Amino acid sequence: MARGEPKSLESLLPRVLARLAGESGRGHALAPVWGAVVGAHIARHSSPRALEGGTLVIIVTSAEWARTLEAEAPSLCAQLNERLGPGTVKALTFRWDTR
């Protein structure tokens, strides 16, 4: 049985986090991947909360952030799936914390 090239921990970690988030339903584990996709500025205003049946729930700090990120949802899903594996995130939903 031939083995492929060894993979780095950095390349494997996002898929492991996705699996944990999917199994537990808790999207918090995906925070590092979310931050890498959206960048530090947007990550300060948004964070993954849950992964429910392929839908990643993102908590945002305002309705404005929800609208802004909703417009980018298809691109964000594609970028997340590049890191997490095809079909991991089928949709994004944004909820804002009204506290």
Protein backbone atom coordinates (compact mmCIF):
# COMPACT_ATOMS: atom_id res chain seq x y z
CA MET A 1 0.00 0.00 0.00
CA ALA A 2 1.69 3.19 -1.17
CA ARG A 3 1.47 6.26 0.98
CA GLY A 4 1.22 9.80 -0.31
CA GLU A 5 3.29 12.70 0.84
CA PRO A 6 3.06 13.32 4.58
CA LYS A 7 0.68 16.14 5.41
CA SER A 8 1.51 18.97 7.74
CA LEU A 9 -0.49 19.51 10.90
CA GLU A 10 -1.44 22.92 9.54
CA SER A 11 -3.08 21.33 6.51
CA LEU A 12 -4.90 18.66 8.56
CA LEU A 13 -6.11 20.82 11.46
CA PRO A 14 -9.00 22.59 9.67
CA ARG A 15 -10.57 19.28 8.64
CA VAL A 16 -10.20 17.88 12.16
CA LEU A 17 -11.84 21.03 13.56
CA ALA A 18 -14.65 20.71 11.02
CA ARG A 19 -15.26 17.12 12.02
CA LEU A 20 -15.37 18.04 15.70
CA ALA A 21 -17.71 20.96 15.02
CA GLY A 22 -19.97 18.77 12.89
CA GLU A 23 -20.13 15.98 15.44
CA SER A 24 -20.71 18.28 18.42
CA GLY A 25 -22.74 20.97 16.64
CA ARG A 26 -20.48 23.56 18.21
CA GLY A 27 -18.98 25.91 15.70
CA HIS A 28 -16.59 27.53 18.20
CA ALA A 29 -13.93 25.05 17.10
CA LEU A 30 -13.95 26.66 13.67
CA ALA A 31 -12.93 30.11 14.97
CA PRO A 32 -9.31 29.80 13.73
CA VAL A 33 -10.49 28.78 10.26
CA TRP A 34 -13.13 31.53 10.19
CA GLY A 35 -10.50 34.10 11.20
CA ALA A 36 -8.12 32.88 8.49
CA VAL A 37 -10.85 33.21 5.85
CA VAL A 38 -12.29 36.59 6.84
CA GLY A 39 -9.26 38.29 8.38
CA ALA A 40 -8.69 39.79 11.82
CA HIS A 41 -10.89 42.87 11.40
CA ILE A 42 -14.03 40.95 10.42
CA ALA A 43 -13.27 38.19 12.94
CA ARG A 44 -13.44 40.84 15.71
CA HIS A 45 -17.06 41.44 14.68
CA SER A 46 -18.12 37.86 13.97
CA SER A 47 -17.58 34.34 15.24
CA PRO A 48 -18.85 30.84 14.45
CA ARG A 49 -21.37 29.55 16.98
CA ALA A 50 -22.75 26.28 15.62
CA LEU A 51 -22.53 23.92 12.68
CA GLU A 52 -26.01 22.50 12.15
CA GLY A 53 -26.49 20.11 9.24
CA GLY A 54 -24.03 21.92 7.02
CA THR A 55 -25.21 25.41 8.00
CA LEU A 56 -22.61 27.42 9.87
CA VAL A 57 -24.22 29.89 12.27
CA ILE A 58 -22.17 33.06 12.66
CA ILE A 59 -22.79 35.53 15.48
CA VAL A 60 -22.15 39.13 14.44
CA THR A 61 -22.01 42.34 16.45
CA SER A 62 -24.67 44.21 14.45
CA ALA A 63 -27.31 43.94 11.76
CA GLU A 64 -24.96 45.85 9.46
CA TRP A 65 -22.32 43.12 9.78
CA ALA A 66 -24.99 40.51 9.11
CA ARG A 67 -26.01 42.27 5.88
CA THR A 68 -22.41 42.80 4.78
CA LEU A 69 -21.41 39.19 5.36
CA GLU A 70 -24.65 37.83 3.86
CA ALA A 71 -23.66 39.46 0.57
CA GLU A 72 -20.35 37.56 0.70
CA ALA A 73 -21.83 34.23 1.84
CA PRO A 74 -21.26 32.24 -1.38
CA SER A 75 -17.61 33.29 -1.53
CA LEU A 76 -17.13 32.64 2.19
CA CYS A 77 -18.65 29.15 1.88
CA ALA A 78 -16.29 28.35 -0.98
CA GLN A 79 -13.25 29.57 0.96
CA LEU A 80 -14.29 27.67 4.09
CA ASN A 81 -14.79 24.48 2.08
CA GLU A 82 -11.33 24.84 0.53
CA ARG A 83 -9.93 24.56 4.05
CA LEU A 84 -12.47 22.24 5.67
CA GLY A 85 -13.27 19.88 2.85
CA PRO A 86 -15.89 19.92 0.09
CA GLY A 87 -19.47 20.27 1.29
CA THR A 88 -18.64 20.89 4.93
CA VAL A 89 -20.35 24.28 4.92
CA LYS A 90 -23.37 24.34 2.66
CA ALA A 91 -24.77 27.64 3.92
CA LEU A 92 -24.05 30.48 6.32
CA THR A 93 -26.58 32.14 8.54
CA PHE A 94 -25.86 35.31 10.47
CA ARG A 95 -27.38 36.29 13.80
CA TRP A 96 -26.52 39.34 15.74
CA ASP A 97 -26.06 39.57 19.45
CA THR A 98 -28.50 42.21 20.69
CA ARG A 99 -27.11 42.44 24.21
